[in-house]
Each structure stands twice: as structure tokens, then as C-alpha cells.
Amino acid sequence: MEYDAKVKNRIKRLEGQLRGALRMMEEGEDCQEVINQLSASRTALDRTIGVIVSENLIECVREAEENGENTDERVKEAVNLLVKSR
């Protein structure tokens, strides 16, 4: 699977959020602010995982259909990836 610029940018933003959380800790920011930043990072990570799995699923299903394969197994694999990520 090729990862487009949109997905890579999500990871870069997530990296910035985590660096921001670390900076906040080093500067002794309030616990609530640090937790808010970490929570936003977790949400961003979850959404990025969802985007990657869904794009991969679309690609895999198309490929399976072109090859005359059953797509059920591909869908199950994608669901398992999502469950595993939680």
C-alpha cells in the first residue's frame, strides 16, 4: 500500500502534538492541559489508523474482485486490524 501525502501529514501533525505535550511537561504546565493534549493526540492517532485501514480495505477489496476472489476474508482482516488497534 502506498501512503499518500494526506496520511503522512496526519502523522506529522501527531508528532507535533506529542512534542507539544512533552514541552508542556518540561515547562511544568498544568496536568489538565497536558492530559488534554495527550487526549487530542490519541484521537488523532485513532483517526489515522481508521483512515489507513479503510484505504487499505478499499484497495484490497478492489484487488480481490479483479482476481475473482471472495472479499469476505479481506473485510474480516480489516475489521481485525481495527479491533487490534483499540
N, C-alpha and C. Protein backbone atom coordinates (compact mmCIF):
# COMPACT_ATOMS: atom_id res chain seq x y z
N MET A 1 0.84 -1.18 0.00
CA MET A 1 0.00 0.00 0.00
C MET A 1 0.89 1.24 0.00
N GLU A 2 0.52 2.20 -0.81
CA GLU A 2 1.22 3.47 -0.81
C GLU A 2 0.47 4.45 0.07
N TYR A 3 1.21 5.20 0.84
CA TYR A 3 0.61 6.17 1.74
C TYR A 3 0.70 7.55 1.10
N ASP A 4 -0.45 8.19 0.93
CA ASP A 4 -0.45 9.49 0.28
C ASP A 4 -0.02 10.60 1.24
N ALA A 5 0.15 11.78 0.69
CA ALA A 5 0.63 12.92 1.48
C ALA A 5 -0.32 13.26 2.62
N LYS A 6 -1.62 13.05 2.41
CA LYS A 6 -2.61 13.35 3.44
C LYS A 6 -2.36 12.52 4.71
N VAL A 7 -2.11 11.24 4.53
CA VAL A 7 -1.87 10.36 5.68
C VAL A 7 -0.55 10.72 6.34
N LYS A 8 0.46 10.99 5.55
CA LYS A 8 1.76 11.36 6.11
C LYS A 8 1.66 12.66 6.89
N ASN A 9 0.87 13.60 6.40
CA ASN A 9 0.69 14.86 7.11
C ASN A 9 -0.01 14.65 8.45
N ARG A 10 -0.94 13.69 8.49
CA ARG A 10 -1.59 13.37 9.77
C ARG A 10 -0.56 12.92 10.79
N ILE A 11 0.37 12.10 10.36
CA ILE A 11 1.41 11.60 11.26
C ILE A 11 2.32 12.74 11.71
N LYS A 12 2.63 13.64 10.79
CA LYS A 12 3.47 14.79 11.15
C LYS A 12 2.78 15.68 12.18
N ARG A 13 1.47 15.89 12.01
CA ARG A 13 0.72 16.69 12.98
C ARG A 13 0.69 15.98 14.34
N LEU A 14 0.51 14.67 14.31
CA LEU A 14 0.52 13.89 15.54
C LEU A 14 1.87 14.00 16.24
N GLU A 15 2.92 13.93 15.46
CA GLU A 15 4.27 14.09 16.02
C GLU A 15 4.40 15.45 16.71
N GLY A 16 3.88 16.48 16.08
CA GLY A 16 3.91 17.82 16.67
C GLY A 16 3.10 17.90 17.95
N GLN A 17 1.96 17.23 17.97
CA GLN A 17 1.15 17.21 19.19
C GLN A 17 1.89 16.55 20.34
N LEU A 18 2.56 15.44 20.06
CA LEU A 18 3.30 14.74 21.11
C LEU A 18 4.49 15.55 21.59
N ARG A 19 5.17 16.21 20.66
CA ARG A 19 6.27 17.08 21.07
C ARG A 19 5.75 18.23 21.93
N GLY A 20 4.57 18.73 21.56
CA GLY A 20 3.95 19.79 22.35
C GLY A 20 3.64 19.33 23.76
N ALA A 21 3.15 18.11 23.88
CA ALA A 21 2.84 17.56 25.21
C ALA A 21 4.11 17.42 26.03
N LEU A 22 5.17 16.96 25.41
CA LEU A 22 6.45 16.81 26.12
C LEU A 22 6.97 18.18 26.56
N ARG A 23 6.87 19.17 25.69
CA ARG A 23 7.32 20.52 26.02
C ARG A 23 6.52 21.05 27.21
N MET A 24 5.21 20.80 27.18
CA MET A 24 4.34 21.25 28.28
C MET A 24 4.78 20.61 29.60
N MET A 25 5.12 19.33 29.56
CA MET A 25 5.59 18.65 30.77
C MET A 25 6.89 19.26 31.27
N GLU A 26 7.80 19.49 30.31
CA GLU A 26 9.10 20.05 30.69
C GLU A 26 8.97 21.46 31.27
N GLU A 27 7.95 22.19 30.83
CA GLU A 27 7.73 23.55 31.32
C GLU A 27 6.83 23.58 32.56
N GLY A 28 6.42 22.41 33.03
CA GLY A 28 5.63 22.32 34.24
C GLY A 28 4.20 22.80 34.09
N GLU A 29 3.64 22.64 32.89
CA GLU A 29 2.25 23.05 32.65
C GLU A 29 1.30 22.24 33.54
N ASP A 30 0.12 22.77 33.68
CA ASP A 30 -0.93 22.14 34.47
C ASP A 30 -1.24 20.75 33.93
N CYS A 31 -1.47 19.82 34.82
CA CYS A 31 -1.78 18.42 34.47
C CYS A 31 -2.96 18.33 33.49
N GLN A 32 -3.98 19.12 33.74
CA GLN A 32 -5.17 19.07 32.89
C GLN A 32 -4.85 19.45 31.44
N GLU A 33 -3.97 20.43 31.26
CA GLU A 33 -3.58 20.85 29.92
C GLU A 33 -2.79 19.76 29.21
N VAL A 34 -1.90 19.10 29.94
CA VAL A 34 -1.11 18.01 29.37
C VAL A 34 -2.03 16.86 28.96
N ILE A 35 -2.97 16.52 29.83
CA ILE A 35 -3.91 15.44 29.52
C ILE A 35 -4.75 15.79 28.31
N ASN A 36 -5.19 17.04 28.20
CA ASN A 36 -5.95 17.47 27.02
C ASN A 36 -5.14 17.28 25.75
N GLN A 37 -3.88 17.64 25.81
CA GLN A 37 -3.01 17.49 24.63
C GLN A 37 -2.81 16.02 24.29
N LEU A 38 -2.58 15.19 25.29
CA LEU A 38 -2.40 13.75 25.05
C LEU A 38 -3.68 13.11 24.53
N SER A 39 -4.81 13.54 25.05
CA SER A 39 -6.09 13.03 24.57
C SER A 39 -6.31 13.38 23.10
N ALA A 40 -5.97 14.61 22.74
CA ALA A 40 -6.08 15.02 21.33
C ALA A 40 -5.15 14.19 20.45
N SER A 41 -3.98 13.87 20.97
CA SER A 41 -3.02 13.04 20.23
C SER A 41 -3.58 11.63 20.02
N ARG A 42 -4.18 11.09 21.05
CA ARG A 42 -4.75 9.75 20.94
C ARG A 42 -5.88 9.72 19.92
N THR A 43 -6.72 10.74 19.94
CA THR A 43 -7.82 10.83 18.98
C THR A 43 -7.27 10.92 17.56
N ALA A 44 -6.24 11.73 17.38
CA ALA A 44 -5.63 11.87 16.05
C ALA A 44 -5.03 10.54 15.59
N LEU A 45 -4.42 9.83 16.50
CA LEU A 45 -3.84 8.52 16.17
C LEU A 45 -4.93 7.53 15.78
N ASP A 46 -6.01 7.49 16.55
CA ASP A 46 -7.12 6.59 16.24
C ASP A 46 -7.71 6.88 14.86
N ARG A 47 -7.88 8.15 14.56
CA ARG A 47 -8.44 8.52 13.26
C ARG A 47 -7.48 8.17 12.12
N THR A 48 -6.20 8.33 12.35
CA THR A 48 -5.21 7.98 11.34
C THR A 48 -5.23 6.47 11.08
N ILE A 49 -5.32 5.70 12.13
CA ILE A 49 -5.43 4.24 11.97
C ILE A 49 -6.67 3.91 11.15
N GLY A 50 -7.78 4.55 11.46
CA GLY A 50 -9.02 4.30 10.71
C GLY A 50 -8.88 4.63 9.24
N VAL A 51 -8.22 5.75 8.93
CA VAL A 51 -8.02 6.14 7.54
C VAL A 51 -7.16 5.11 6.82
N ILE A 52 -6.09 4.69 7.44
CA ILE A 52 -5.19 3.72 6.81
C ILE A 52 -5.90 2.39 6.58
N VAL A 53 -6.62 1.91 7.58
CA VAL A 53 -7.32 0.63 7.43
C VAL A 53 -8.39 0.73 6.36
N SER A 54 -9.15 1.82 6.34
CA SER A 54 -10.22 1.94 5.34
C SER A 54 -9.67 2.04 3.93
N GLU A 55 -8.59 2.81 3.75
CA GLU A 55 -7.99 2.91 2.42
C GLU A 55 -7.42 1.57 1.98
N ASN A 56 -6.80 0.87 2.92
CA ASN A 56 -6.27 -0.45 2.61
C ASN A 56 -7.39 -1.43 2.26
N LEU A 57 -8.49 -1.35 3.00
CA LEU A 57 -9.63 -2.24 2.73
C LEU A 57 -10.16 -2.01 1.33
N ILE A 58 -10.34 -0.76 0.96
CA ILE A 58 -10.84 -0.45 -0.39
C ILE A 58 -9.91 -1.03 -1.45
N GLU A 59 -8.62 -0.83 -1.25
CA GLU A 59 -7.63 -1.33 -2.20
C GLU A 59 -7.66 -2.87 -2.27
N CYS A 60 -7.74 -3.51 -1.13
CA CYS A 60 -7.73 -4.97 -1.09
C CYS A 60 -9.00 -5.57 -1.70
N VAL A 61 -10.14 -4.96 -1.42
CA VAL A 61 -11.40 -5.47 -1.97
C VAL A 61 -11.41 -5.33 -3.48
N ARG A 62 -10.97 -4.19 -3.98
CA ARG A 62 -10.89 -4.00 -5.44
C ARG A 62 -9.99 -5.05 -6.08
N GLU A 63 -8.85 -5.27 -5.45
CA GLU A 63 -7.89 -6.25 -5.96
C GLU A 63 -8.50 -7.65 -5.95
N ALA A 64 -9.18 -8.00 -4.86
CA ALA A 64 -9.80 -9.32 -4.76
C ALA A 64 -10.89 -9.50 -5.81
N GLU A 65 -11.69 -8.45 -6.02
CA GLU A 65 -12.75 -8.53 -7.03
C GLU A 65 -12.17 -8.70 -8.43
N GLU A 66 -11.08 -8.00 -8.71
CA GLU A 66 -10.44 -8.11 -10.02
C GLU A 66 -9.90 -9.52 -10.25
N ASN A 67 -9.47 -10.18 -9.18
CA ASN A 67 -8.92 -11.53 -9.28
C ASN A 67 -9.98 -12.61 -9.08
N GLY A 68 -11.23 -12.19 -8.94
CA GLY A 68 -12.32 -13.15 -8.76
C GLY A 68 -12.31 -13.84 -7.41
N GLU A 69 -11.66 -13.23 -6.43
CA GLU A 69 -11.59 -13.82 -5.10
C GLU A 69 -12.77 -13.36 -4.25
N ASN A 70 -13.01 -14.10 -3.18
CA ASN A 70 -14.04 -13.74 -2.21
C ASN A 70 -13.52 -12.58 -1.36
N THR A 71 -14.30 -11.54 -1.24
CA THR A 71 -13.86 -10.35 -0.49
C THR A 71 -14.13 -10.46 1.00
N ASP A 72 -14.90 -11.44 1.43
CA ASP A 72 -15.26 -11.58 2.84
C ASP A 72 -14.03 -11.66 3.74
N GLU A 73 -13.04 -12.42 3.32
CA GLU A 73 -11.84 -12.60 4.13
C GLU A 73 -11.08 -11.27 4.28
N ARG A 74 -11.04 -10.50 3.22
CA ARG A 74 -10.36 -9.20 3.28
C ARG A 74 -11.07 -8.26 4.25
N VAL A 75 -12.38 -8.28 4.25
CA VAL A 75 -13.15 -7.43 5.15
C VAL A 75 -12.90 -7.87 6.60
N LYS A 76 -12.87 -9.17 6.84
CA LYS A 76 -12.61 -9.67 8.19
C LYS A 76 -11.23 -9.24 8.68
N GLU A 77 -10.24 -9.29 7.79
CA GLU A 77 -8.88 -8.86 8.15
C GLU A 77 -8.87 -7.39 8.55
N ALA A 78 -9.59 -6.56 7.79
CA ALA A 78 -9.64 -5.13 8.10
C ALA A 78 -10.31 -4.89 9.46
N VAL A 79 -11.39 -5.60 9.72
CA VAL A 79 -12.09 -5.45 10.99
C VAL A 79 -11.16 -5.88 12.13
N ASN A 80 -10.43 -6.95 11.93
CA ASN A 80 -9.48 -7.41 12.95
C ASN A 80 -8.39 -6.36 13.23
N LEU A 81 -7.93 -5.70 12.17
CA LEU A 81 -6.94 -4.63 12.36
C LEU A 81 -7.50 -3.50 13.21
N LEU A 82 -8.74 -3.13 12.93
CA LEU A 82 -9.37 -2.06 13.71
C LEU A 82 -9.54 -2.47 15.17
N VAL A 83 -9.97 -3.70 15.39
CA VAL A 83 -10.17 -4.19 16.75
C VAL A 83 -8.82 -4.24 17.47
N LYS A 84 -7.82 -4.71 16.79
CA LYS A 84 -6.48 -4.82 17.37
C LYS A 84 -5.93 -3.46 17.77
N SER A 85 -6.26 -2.44 17.00
CA SER A 85 -5.74 -1.10 17.28
C SER A 85 -6.37 -0.46 18.51
N ARG A 86 -7.47 -0.99 18.97
CA ARG A 86 -8.15 -0.43 20.15
C ARG A 86 -7.57 -1.07 21.36
